[in-house]
Amino acid sequence: MQALVWAGALVSLCGIAGLVYCVARALRARRSGLADEAMRSELQRVVIVNMGALAISALGLMLVVLGIFLG
């Protein structure tokens, strides 16, 4: 079950990397001085990626907990 814990940690780190990417993309959009409609469109795309990264991170944490319970 140790492999399950390590796999879960890796999946969780991938999700966290996605969250960092979302923050960087939103800050870049903010600094670029986009018009309101363009900014709204960009942030809507960032929210979609953000939710996916959050789900991946949560899945990784579930794998870690499962590996701990089974091990």
PDB file of N, CA and C in Angstrom:
ATOM      1  N   MET A   1       0.800  -1.200   0.000  1.00  0.00           N
ATOM      2  CA  MET A   1       0.000   0.000   0.000  1.00  0.00           C
ATOM      3  C   MET A   1       0.846   1.268   0.000  1.00  0.00           C
ATOM      4  N   GLN A   2       2.139   1.082   0.176  1.00  0.00           N
ATOM      5  CA  GLN A   2       3.026   2.235   0.147  1.00  0.00           C
ATOM      6  C   GLN A   2       3.031   2.871  -1.248  1.00  0.00           C
ATOM      7  N   ALA A   3       2.886   2.055  -2.268  1.00  0.00           N
ATOM      8  CA  ALA A   3       2.833   2.580  -3.635  1.00  0.00           C
ATOM      9  C   ALA A   3       1.595   3.446  -3.842  1.00  0.00           C
ATOM     10  N   LEU A   4       0.502   3.072  -3.194  1.00  0.00           N
ATOM     11  CA  LEU A   4      -0.726   3.861  -3.307  1.00  0.00           C
ATOM     12  C   LEU A   4      -0.546   5.237  -2.671  1.00  0.00           C
ATOM     13  N   VAL A   5       0.160   5.280  -1.548  1.00  0.00           N
ATOM     14  CA  VAL A   5       0.422   6.558  -0.886  1.00  0.00           C
ATOM     15  C   VAL A   5       1.294   7.443  -1.767  1.00  0.00           C
ATOM     16  N   TRP A   6       2.359   6.866  -2.341  1.00  0.00           N
ATOM     17  CA  TRP A   6       3.238   7.648  -3.194  1.00  0.00           C
ATOM     18  C   TRP A   6       2.550   8.096  -4.484  1.00  0.00           C
ATOM     19  N   ALA A   7       1.734   7.229  -5.043  1.00  0.00           N
ATOM     20  CA  ALA A   7       0.986   7.603  -6.251  1.00  0.00           C
ATOM     21  C   ALA A   7       0.003   8.734  -5.939  1.00  0.00           C
ATOM     22  N   GLY A   8      -0.655   8.632  -4.788  1.00  0.00           N
ATOM     23  CA  GLY A   8      -1.575   9.689  -4.381  1.00  0.00           C
ATOM     24  C   GLY A   8      -0.865  11.008  -4.146  1.00  0.00           C
ATOM     25  N   ALA A   9       0.329  10.933  -3.568  1.00  0.00           N
ATOM     26  CA  ALA A   9       1.096  12.159  -3.347  1.00  0.00           C
ATOM     27  C   ALA A   9       1.501  12.786  -4.671  1.00  0.00           C
ATOM     28  N   LEU A  10       1.869  11.959  -5.638  1.00  0.00           N
ATOM     29  CA  LEU A  10       2.236  12.474  -6.957  1.00  0.00           C
ATOM     30  C   LEU A  10       1.042  13.115  -7.667  1.00  0.00           C
ATOM     31  N   VAL A  11      -0.106  12.463  -7.583  1.00  0.00           N
ATOM     32  CA  VAL A  11      -1.319  13.021  -8.195  1.00  0.00           C
ATOM     33  C   VAL A  11      -1.696  14.336  -7.513  1.00  0.00           C
ATOM     34  N   SER A  12      -1.569  14.365  -6.202  1.00  0.00           N
ATOM     35  CA  SER A  12      -1.885  15.582  -5.460  1.00  0.00           C
ATOM     36  C   SER A  12      -0.940  16.722  -5.831  1.00  0.00           C
ATOM     37  N   LEU A  13       0.330  16.418  -5.994  1.00  0.00           N
ATOM     38  CA  LEU A  13       1.286  17.452  -6.407  1.00  0.00           C
ATOM     39  C   LEU A  13       1.000  17.963  -7.816  1.00  0.00           C
ATOM     40  N   CYS A  14       0.531  17.096  -8.686  1.00  0.00           N
ATOM     41  CA  CYS A  14       0.128  17.548 -10.027  1.00  0.00           C
ATOM     42  C   CYS A  14      -1.045  18.517  -9.937  1.00  0.00           C
ATOM     43  N   GLY A  15      -1.991  18.224  -9.060  1.00  0.00           N
ATOM     44  CA  GLY A  15      -3.121  19.128  -8.857  1.00  0.00           C
ATOM     45  C   GLY A  15      -2.689  20.467  -8.289  1.00  0.00           C
ATOM     46  N   ILE A  16      -1.743  20.440  -7.361  1.00  0.00           N
ATOM     47  CA  ILE A  16      -1.240  21.688  -6.787  1.00  0.00           C
ATOM     48  C   ILE A  16      -0.483  22.494  -7.836  1.00  0.00           C
ATOM     49  N   ALA A  17       0.253  21.817  -8.697  1.00  0.00           N
ATOM     50  CA  ALA A  17       0.930  22.516  -9.794  1.00  0.00           C
ATOM     51  C   ALA A  17      -0.086  23.184 -10.720  1.00  0.00           C
ATOM     52  N   GLY A  18      -1.215  22.523 -10.939  1.00  0.00           N
ATOM     53  CA  GLY A  18      -2.284  23.131 -11.736  1.00  0.00           C
ATOM     54  C   GLY A  18      -2.862  24.361 -11.073  1.00  0.00           C
ATOM     55  N   LEU A  19      -2.982  24.325  -9.756  1.00  0.00           N
ATOM     56  CA  LEU A  19      -3.482  25.494  -9.031  1.00  0.00           C
ATOM     57  C   LEU A  19      -2.504  26.665  -9.118  1.00  0.00           C
ATOM     58  N   VAL A  20      -1.217  26.378  -9.028  1.00  0.00           N
ATOM     59  CA  VAL A  20      -0.205  27.428  -9.166  1.00  0.00           C
ATOM     60  C   VAL A  20      -0.248  28.012 -10.579  1.00  0.00           C
ATOM     61  N   TYR A  21      -0.458  27.152 -11.568  1.00  0.00           N
ATOM     62  CA  TYR A  21      -0.582  27.621 -12.946  1.00  0.00           C
ATOM     63  C   TYR A  21      -1.777  28.571 -13.089  1.00  0.00           C
ATOM     64  N   CYS A  22      -2.884  28.236 -12.436  1.00  0.00           N
ATOM     65  CA  CYS A  22      -4.073  29.094 -12.511  1.00  0.00           C
ATOM     66  C   CYS A  22      -3.815  30.464 -11.897  1.00  0.00           C
ATOM     67  N   VAL A  23      -3.122  30.488 -10.776  1.00  0.00           N
ATOM     68  CA  VAL A  23      -2.795  31.766 -10.136  1.00  0.00           C
ATOM     69  C   VAL A  23      -1.900  32.592 -11.047  1.00  0.00           C
ATOM     70  N   ALA A  24      -0.899  31.964 -11.638  1.00  0.00           N
ATOM     71  CA  ALA A  24       0.010  32.686 -12.527  1.00  0.00           C
ATOM     72  C   ALA A  24      -0.729  33.213 -13.757  1.00  0.00           C
ATOM     73  N   ARG A  25      -1.617  32.412 -14.301  1.00  0.00           N
ATOM     74  CA  ARG A  25      -2.370  32.838 -15.490  1.00  0.00           C
ATOM     75  C   ARG A  25      -3.313  33.989 -15.166  1.00  0.00           C
ATOM     76  N   ALA A  26      -3.940  33.955 -14.000  1.00  0.00           N
ATOM     77  CA  ALA A  26      -4.841  35.039 -13.607  1.00  0.00           C
ATOM     78  C   ALA A  26      -4.063  36.325 -13.343  1.00  0.00           C
ATOM     79  N   LEU A  27      -2.899  36.217 -12.707  1.00  0.00           N
ATOM     80  CA  LEU A  27      -2.085  37.411 -12.475  1.00  0.00           C
ATOM     81  C   LEU A  27      -1.582  38.006 -13.786  1.00  0.00           C
ATOM     82  N   ARG A  28      -1.210  37.143 -14.729  1.00  0.00           N
ATOM     83  CA  ARG A  28      -0.763  37.627 -16.037  1.00  0.00           C
ATOM     84  C   ARG A  28      -1.901  38.347 -16.762  1.00  0.00           C
ATOM     85  N   ALA A  29      -3.114  37.817 -16.653  1.00  0.00           N
ATOM     86  CA  ALA A  29      -4.262  38.461 -17.296  1.00  0.00           C
ATOM     87  C   ALA A  29      -4.559  39.802 -16.636  1.00  0.00           C
ATOM     88  N   ARG A  30      -4.390  39.851 -15.321  1.00  0.00           N
ATOM     89  CA  ARG A  30      -4.661  41.098 -14.600  1.00  0.00           C
ATOM     90  C   ARG A  30      -3.657  42.177 -14.983  1.00  0.00           C
ATOM     91  N   ARG A  31      -2.392  41.781 -15.113  1.00  0.00           N
ATOM     92  CA  ARG A  31      -1.343  42.752 -15.433  1.00  0.00           C
ATOM     93  C   ARG A  31      -1.351  43.183 -16.891  1.00  0.00           C
ATOM     94  N   SER A  32      -1.991  42.424 -17.751  1.00  0.00           N
ATOM     95  CA  SER A  32      -1.983  42.757 -19.171  1.00  0.00           C
ATOM     96  C   SER A  32      -2.931  43.900 -19.510  1.00  0.00           C
ATOM     97  N   GLY A  33      -3.817  44.238 -18.600  1.00  0.00           N
ATOM     98  CA  GLY A  33      -4.709  45.368 -18.836  1.00  0.00           C
ATOM     99  C   GLY A  33      -5.773  45.086 -19.877  1.00  0.00           C
ATOM    100  N   LEU A  34      -6.341  43.890 -19.850  1.00  0.00           N
ATOM    101  CA  LEU A  34      -7.381  43.533 -20.809  1.00  0.00           C
ATOM    102  C   LEU A  34      -8.663  44.321 -20.548  1.00  0.00           C
ATOM    103  N   ALA A  35      -9.477  44.440 -21.570  1.00  0.00           N
ATOM    104  CA  ALA A  35     -10.785  45.067 -21.415  1.00  0.00           C
ATOM    105  C   ALA A  35     -11.666  44.159 -20.552  1.00  0.00           C
ATOM    106  N   ASP A  36     -12.759  44.696 -20.061  1.00  0.00           N
ATOM    107  CA  ASP A  36     -13.617  43.956 -19.131  1.00  0.00           C
ATOM    108  C   ASP A  36     -14.108  42.635 -19.710  1.00  0.00           C
ATOM    109  N   GLU A  37     -14.576  42.657 -20.940  1.00  0.00           N
ATOM    110  CA  GLU A  37     -15.114  41.434 -21.553  1.00  0.00           C
ATOM    111  C   GLU A  37     -14.020  40.396 -21.795  1.00  0.00           C
ATOM    112  N   ALA A  38     -12.857  40.853 -22.229  1.00  0.00           N
ATOM    113  CA  ALA A  38     -11.736  39.939 -22.454  1.00  0.00           C
ATOM    114  C   ALA A  38     -11.245  39.357 -21.125  1.00  0.00           C
ATOM    115  N   MET A  39     -11.214  40.192 -20.087  1.00  0.00           N
ATOM    116  CA  MET A  39     -10.801  39.725 -18.763  1.00  0.00           C
ATOM    117  C   MET A  39     -11.782  38.688 -18.232  1.00  0.00           C
ATOM    118  N   ARG A  40     -13.065  38.934 -18.418  1.00  0.00           N
ATOM    119  CA  ARG A  40     -14.087  37.985 -17.967  1.00  0.00           C
ATOM    120  C   ARG A  40     -13.944  36.653 -18.690  1.00  0.00           C
ATOM    121  N   SER A  41     -13.692  36.697 -19.972  1.00  0.00           N
ATOM    122  CA  SER A  41     -13.526  35.478 -20.758  1.00  0.00           C
ATOM    123  C   SER A  41     -12.292  34.693 -20.301  1.00  0.00           C
ATOM    124  N   GLU A  42     -11.199  35.390 -20.065  1.00  0.00           N
ATOM    125  CA  GLU A  42      -9.971  34.726 -19.622  1.00  0.00           C
ATOM    126  C   GLU A  42     -10.159  34.110 -18.234  1.00  0.00           C
ATOM    127  N   LEU A  43     -10.789  34.823 -17.345  1.00  0.00           N
ATOM    128  CA  LEU A  43     -10.987  34.298 -15.993  1.00  0.00           C
ATOM    129  C   LEU A  43     -11.976  33.133 -15.970  1.00  0.00           C
ATOM    130  N   GLN A  44     -12.927  33.114 -16.886  1.00  0.00           N
ATOM    131  CA  GLN A  44     -13.825  31.967 -16.976  1.00  0.00           C
ATOM    132  C   GLN A  44     -13.060  30.715 -17.386  1.00  0.00           C
ATOM    133  N   ARG A  45     -12.092  30.865 -18.295  1.00  0.00           N
ATOM    134  CA  ARG A  45     -11.263  29.725 -18.678  1.00  0.00           C
ATOM    135  C   ARG A  45     -10.366  29.288 -17.522  1.00  0.00           C
ATOM    136  N   VAL A  46      -9.873  30.239 -16.761  1.00  0.00           N
ATOM    137  CA  VAL A  46      -9.023  29.914 -15.612  1.00  0.00           C
ATOM    138  C   VAL A  46      -9.821  29.164 -14.548  1.00  0.00           C
ATOM    139  N   VAL A  47     -11.067  29.542 -14.350  1.00  0.00           N
ATOM    140  CA  VAL A  47     -11.908  28.871 -13.352  1.00  0.00           C
ATOM    141  C   VAL A  47     -12.118  27.406 -13.728  1.00  0.00           C
ATOM    142  N   ILE A  48     -12.290  27.125 -14.996  1.00  0.00           N
ATOM    143  CA  ILE A  48     -12.484  25.737 -15.437  1.00  0.00           C
ATOM    144  C   ILE A  48     -11.237  24.907 -15.140  1.00  0.00           C
ATOM    145  N   VAL A  49     -10.078  25.440 -15.475  1.00  0.00           N
ATOM    146  CA  VAL A  49      -8.827  24.733 -15.190  1.00  0.00           C
ATOM    147  C   VAL A  49      -8.621  24.598 -13.684  1.00  0.00           C
ATOM    148  N   ASN A  50      -8.983  25.645 -12.940  1.00  0.00           N
ATOM    149  CA  ASN A  50      -8.848  25.643 -11.491  1.00  0.00           C
ATOM    150  C   ASN A  50      -9.686  24.535 -10.860  1.00  0.00           C
ATOM    151  N   MET A  51     -10.907  24.379 -11.303  1.00  0.00           N
ATOM    152  CA  MET A  51     -11.765  23.324 -10.750  1.00  0.00           C
ATOM    153  C   MET A  51     -11.211  21.938 -11.073  1.00  0.00           C
ATOM    154  N   GLY A  52     -10.689  21.762 -12.269  1.00  0.00           N
ATOM    155  CA  GLY A  52     -10.078  20.481 -12.623  1.00  0.00           C
ATOM    156  C   GLY A  52      -8.857  20.179 -11.774  1.00  0.00           C
ATOM    157  N   ALA A  53      -8.011  21.188 -11.551  1.00  0.00           N
ATOM    158  CA  ALA A  53      -6.817  20.996 -10.730  1.00  0.00           C
ATOM    159  C   ALA A  53      -7.192  20.706  -9.285  1.00  0.00           C
ATOM    160  N   LEU A  54      -8.219  21.354  -8.802  1.00  0.00           N
ATOM    161  CA  LEU A  54      -8.685  21.100  -7.436  1.00  0.00           C
ATOM    162  C   LEU A  54      -9.221  19.683  -7.301  1.00  0.00           C
ATOM    163  N   ALA A  55      -9.929  19.213  -8.306  1.00  0.00           N
ATOM    164  CA  ALA A  55     -10.453  17.848  -8.278  1.00  0.00           C
ATOM    165  C   ALA A  55      -9.322  16.821  -8.317  1.00  0.00           C
ATOM    166  N   ILE A  56      -8.303  17.081  -9.127  1.00  0.00           N
ATOM    167  CA  ILE A  56      -7.167  16.170  -9.197  1.00  0.00           C
ATOM    168  C   ILE A  56      -6.429  16.132  -7.864  1.00  0.00           C
ATOM    169  N   SER A  57      -6.253  17.290  -7.259  1.00  0.00           N
ATOM    170  CA  SER A  57      -5.581  17.344  -5.966  1.00  0.00           C
ATOM    171  C   SER A  57      -6.377  16.598  -4.900  1.00  0.00           C
ATOM    172  N   ALA A  58      -7.681  16.756  -4.891  1.00  0.00           N
ATOM    173  CA  ALA A  58      -8.523  16.048  -3.921  1.00  0.00           C
ATOM    174  C   ALA A  58      -8.478  14.545  -4.158  1.00  0.00           C
ATOM    175  N   LEU A  59      -8.456  14.132  -5.412  1.00  0.00           N
ATOM    176  CA  LEU A  59      -8.354  12.710  -5.731  1.00  0.00           C
ATOM    177  C   LEU A  59      -7.037  12.131  -5.214  1.00  0.00           C
ATOM    178  N   GLY A  60      -5.959  12.877  -5.374  1.00  0.00           N
ATOM    179  CA  GLY A  60      -4.672  12.440  -4.861  1.00  0.00           C
ATOM    180  C   GLY A  60      -4.675  12.298  -3.353  1.00  0.00           C
ATOM    181  N   LEU A  61      -5.302  13.245  -2.671  1.00  0.00           N
ATOM    182  CA  LEU A  61      -5.383  13.149  -1.217  1.00  0.00           C
ATOM    183  C   LEU A  61      -6.239  11.961  -0.782  1.00  0.00           C
ATOM    184  N   MET A  62      -7.271  11.662  -1.541  1.00  0.00           N
ATOM    185  CA  MET A  62      -8.078  10.481  -1.233  1.00  0.00           C
ATOM    186  C   MET A  62      -7.259   9.204  -1.388  1.00  0.00           C
ATOM    187  N   LEU A  63      -6.418   9.161  -2.410  1.00  0.00           N
ATOM    188  CA  LEU A  63      -5.566   8.001  -2.594  1.00  0.00           C
ATOM    189  C   LEU A  63      -4.581   7.838  -1.441  1.00  0.00           C
ATOM    190  N   VAL A  64      -4.034   8.955  -0.961  1.00  0.00           N
ATOM    191  CA  VAL A  64      -3.117   8.894   0.170  1.00  0.00           C
ATOM    192  C   VAL A  64      -3.824   8.352   1.407  1.00  0.00           C
ATOM    193  N   VAL A  65      -5.010   8.855   1.697  1.00  0.00           N
ATOM    194  CA  VAL A  65      -5.749   8.408   2.869  1.00  0.00           C
ATOM    195  C   VAL A  65      -6.116   6.933   2.726  1.00  0.00           C
ATOM    196  N   LEU A  66      -6.523   6.518   1.536  1.00  0.00           N
ATOM    197  CA  LEU A  66      -6.853   5.123   1.307  1.00  0.00           C
ATOM    198  C   LEU A  66      -5.637   4.229   1.518  1.00  0.00           C
ATOM    199  N   GLY A  67      -4.493   4.665   1.012  1.00  0.00           N
ATOM    200  CA  GLY A  67      -3.278   3.895   1.207  1.00  0.00           C
ATOM    201  C   GLY A  67      -2.880   3.781   2.675  1.00  0.00           C
ATOM    202  N   ILE A  68      -3.109   4.848   3.428  1.00  0.00           N
ATOM    203  CA  ILE A  68      -2.804   4.804   4.861  1.00  0.00           C
ATOM    204  C   ILE A  68      -3.757   3.863   5.594  1.00  0.00           C
ATOM    205  N   PHE A  69      -5.036   3.935   5.260  1.00  0.00           N
ATOM    206  CA  PHE A  69      -6.014   3.049   5.923  1.00  0.00           C
ATOM    207  C   PHE A  69      -5.763   1.590   5.599  1.00  0.00           C
ATOM    208  N   LEU A  70      -5.423   1.290   4.352  1.00  0.00           N
ATOM    209  CA  LEU A  70      -5.211  -0.097   3.957  1.00  0.00           C
ATOM    210  C   LEU A  70      -3.856  -0.632   4.408  1.00  0.00           C
ATOM    211  N   GLY A  71      -2.908   0.269   4.639  1.00  0.00           N
ATOM    212  CA  GLY A  71      -1.568  -0.166   5.015  1.00  0.00           C
ATOM    213  C   GLY A  71      -1.454  -0.268   6.451  1.00  0.00           C
TER     214      GLY A  71
END
